[in-house]
């Protein structure tokens, strides 16, 4: 009888710890993108090497991801006024996912963001941030960055 109580107590303790740990892990994972692109660093992947992400998804990386800076002139040809936006496109077949496009300062401060744009029925997600005009006297170092992750 004493042995049964120990087993029940151990199982209950393990279950309660798991109940606390899993939502915490899920919340942290949801906040972080799985990968993306930046003008200064190029493409990257934040896939976990612990095997957990492999169990949660059929594929830990998308079939393709494209990131780029868009530029437009909203002034005249004589007096150009340049604005920039970030554009991202992710193709990830059979995996619900999103793409986010942002114009950020080099320190990570977000200037404009598309928010998460989820995939359509063709398993494609495309995101374009709002255009951002750099103040010519501020010497801001802006960068287009795009992110992808699983829904």
Protein backbone atom coordinates (compact mmCIF):
# COMPACT_ATOMS: atom_id res chain seq x y z
CA UNK A 1 0.00 0.00 0.00
CA UNK A 2 2.86 2.38 0.87
CA UNK A 3 4.50 1.69 -2.51
CA UNK A 4 1.25 2.48 -4.38
CA UNK A 5 0.99 5.82 -2.59
CA UNK A 6 4.56 6.69 -3.62
CA UNK A 7 3.81 5.83 -7.24
CA UNK A 8 0.58 7.86 -7.23
CA UNK A 9 2.33 10.81 -5.55
CA UNK A 10 5.21 10.69 -8.05
CA UNK A 11 2.81 10.57 -11.02
CA UNK A 12 0.72 13.42 -9.62
CA UNK A 13 3.81 15.54 -9.01
CA UNK A 14 5.14 14.86 -12.51
CA UNK A 15 1.77 15.70 -14.08
CA UNK A 16 1.48 18.96 -12.13
CA UNK A 17 5.00 20.02 -13.17
CA UNK A 18 4.23 19.19 -16.78
CA UNK A 19 0.99 21.19 -16.62
CA UNK A 20 2.96 24.26 -15.49
CA UNK A 21 5.91 23.80 -17.86
CA UNK A 22 4.08 23.14 -21.15
CA UNK A 23 2.07 26.42 -21.31
CA UNK A 24 5.21 28.37 -20.40
CA UNK A 25 7.19 26.64 -23.16
CA UNK A 26 4.37 27.18 -25.68
CA UNK A 27 4.08 30.88 -24.85
CA UNK A 28 7.82 31.48 -25.28
CA UNK A 29 7.88 29.50 -28.53
CA UNK A 30 4.92 31.46 -29.94
CA UNK A 31 6.71 34.76 -29.30
CA UNK A 32 9.81 33.80 -31.27
CA UNK A 33 9.94 33.46 -35.02
CA UNK A 34 11.29 30.21 -36.41
CA UNK A 35 13.53 31.98 -38.88
CA UNK A 36 13.71 34.77 -41.41
CA UNK A 37 15.86 37.22 -43.31
CA UNK A 38 17.57 40.52 -42.60
CA UNK A 39 19.55 42.82 -44.88
CA UNK A 40 22.64 42.65 -42.68
CA UNK A 41 22.62 38.95 -41.76
CA UNK A 42 20.85 37.21 -44.67
CA UNK A 43 18.70 34.13 -44.09
CA UNK A 44 18.65 32.26 -40.79
CA UNK A 45 16.82 29.42 -39.07
CA UNK A 46 16.08 29.19 -35.34
CA UNK A 47 15.11 25.51 -35.40
CA UNK A 48 15.64 23.71 -32.12
CA UNK A 49 18.20 20.94 -32.00
CA UNK A 50 16.46 19.19 -29.09
CA UNK A 51 14.09 17.27 -31.36
CA UNK A 52 10.94 18.91 -29.91
CA UNK A 53 10.28 21.02 -33.01
CA UNK A 54 10.69 17.94 -35.20
CA UNK A 55 7.89 16.27 -33.27
CA UNK A 56 5.60 19.29 -33.49
CA UNK A 57 5.80 19.83 -37.24
CA UNK A 58 6.08 17.85 -40.43
CA UNK A 59 8.97 20.09 -41.49
CA UNK A 60 11.04 22.46 -39.39
CA UNK A 61 11.84 24.80 -42.28
CA UNK A 62 9.64 26.20 -45.05
CA UNK A 63 9.94 25.12 -48.67
CA UNK A 64 11.03 28.69 -49.49
CA UNK A 65 11.29 32.13 -47.91
CA UNK A 66 12.09 35.39 -49.69
CA UNK A 67 12.85 38.69 -48.00
CA UNK A 68 13.64 42.05 -49.59
CA UNK A 69 13.52 45.83 -49.22
CA UNK A 70 11.06 47.78 -51.34
CA UNK A 71 11.79 51.43 -52.20
CA UNK A 72 9.55 54.06 -53.72
CA UNK A 73 9.77 57.78 -54.53
CA UNK A 74 6.79 59.76 -53.22
CA UNK A 75 8.30 63.10 -54.26
CA UNK A 76 9.14 64.35 -57.71
CA UNK A 77 12.05 63.45 -59.93
CA UNK A 78 13.54 66.87 -59.15
CA UNK A 79 13.03 66.47 -55.38
CA UNK A 80 12.83 62.78 -54.55
CA UNK A 81 11.44 61.65 -51.21
CA UNK A 82 12.31 58.00 -50.59
CA UNK A 83 10.32 55.56 -48.51
CA UNK A 84 11.17 51.93 -47.74
CA UNK A 85 9.20 48.84 -46.79
CA UNK A 86 10.00 45.20 -46.05
CA UNK A 87 8.48 42.36 -48.07
CA UNK A 88 8.45 38.67 -47.23
CA UNK A 89 6.97 35.60 -48.89
CA UNK A 90 6.95 32.11 -47.37
CA UNK A 91 5.88 28.88 -49.04
CA UNK A 92 5.43 25.97 -46.64
CA UNK A 93 3.29 23.15 -47.97
CA UNK A 94 0.91 21.42 -45.54
CA UNK A 95 2.09 23.51 -42.57
CA UNK A 96 -0.06 26.37 -41.18
CA UNK A 97 2.35 29.31 -40.95
CA UNK A 98 2.81 33.08 -41.06
CA UNK A 99 5.14 35.71 -42.47
CA UNK A 100 5.91 39.07 -40.83
CA UNK A 101 7.66 41.98 -42.57
CA UNK A 102 9.19 44.89 -40.61
CA UNK A 103 11.27 47.98 -41.06
CA UNK A 104 13.53 48.10 -38.01
CA UNK A 105 16.45 50.10 -36.74
CA UNK A 106 19.72 48.16 -36.53
CA UNK A 107 19.14 47.78 -32.75
CA UNK A 108 15.81 45.99 -33.37
CA UNK A 109 13.46 48.94 -32.72
CA UNK A 110 10.40 48.34 -34.91
CA UNK A 111 9.41 51.30 -37.10
CA UNK A 112 6.68 49.60 -39.18
CA UNK A 113 5.29 46.07 -39.20
CA UNK A 114 2.85 44.06 -41.24
CA UNK A 115 1.94 41.94 -38.24
CA UNK A 116 1.56 38.23 -38.80
CA UNK A 117 0.05 37.35 -42.17
CA UNK A 118 -1.12 33.74 -42.25
CA UNK A 119 -0.94 31.37 -45.19
CA UNK A 120 -3.69 31.08 -47.79
CA UNK A 121 -5.16 27.87 -49.19
CA UNK A 122 -2.13 27.49 -51.49
CA UNK A 123 0.20 27.36 -48.43
CA UNK A 124 1.69 30.78 -49.27
CA UNK A 125 1.94 33.75 -46.90
CA UNK A 126 3.04 37.20 -48.11
CA UNK A 127 3.57 40.26 -45.94
CA UNK A 128 4.51 43.86 -46.73
CA UNK A 129 5.21 46.38 -43.98
CA UNK A 130 3.87 49.92 -44.29
CA UNK A 131 6.36 52.24 -45.99
CA UNK A 132 8.68 54.20 -43.72
CA UNK A 133 10.31 57.53 -44.52
CA UNK A 134 13.67 58.10 -42.87
CA UNK A 135 14.19 61.60 -41.57
CA UNK A 136 17.18 62.77 -43.60
CA UNK A 137 18.70 64.51 -40.55
CA UNK A 138 18.26 61.66 -38.06
CA UNK A 139 20.97 59.34 -39.41
CA UNK A 140 18.77 56.32 -38.65
CA UNK A 141 20.15 52.99 -39.76
CA UNK A 142 17.03 51.14 -40.95
CA UNK A 143 16.91 47.58 -42.15
CA UNK A 144 14.25 45.43 -43.80
CA UNK A 145 13.65 42.20 -41.87
CA UNK A 146 11.21 39.34 -42.47
CA UNK A 147 10.20 36.46 -40.22
CA UNK A 148 8.37 33.15 -40.58
CA UNK A 149 6.93 30.69 -38.10
CA UNK A 150 4.33 28.03 -37.59
CA UNK A 151 0.79 28.98 -36.60
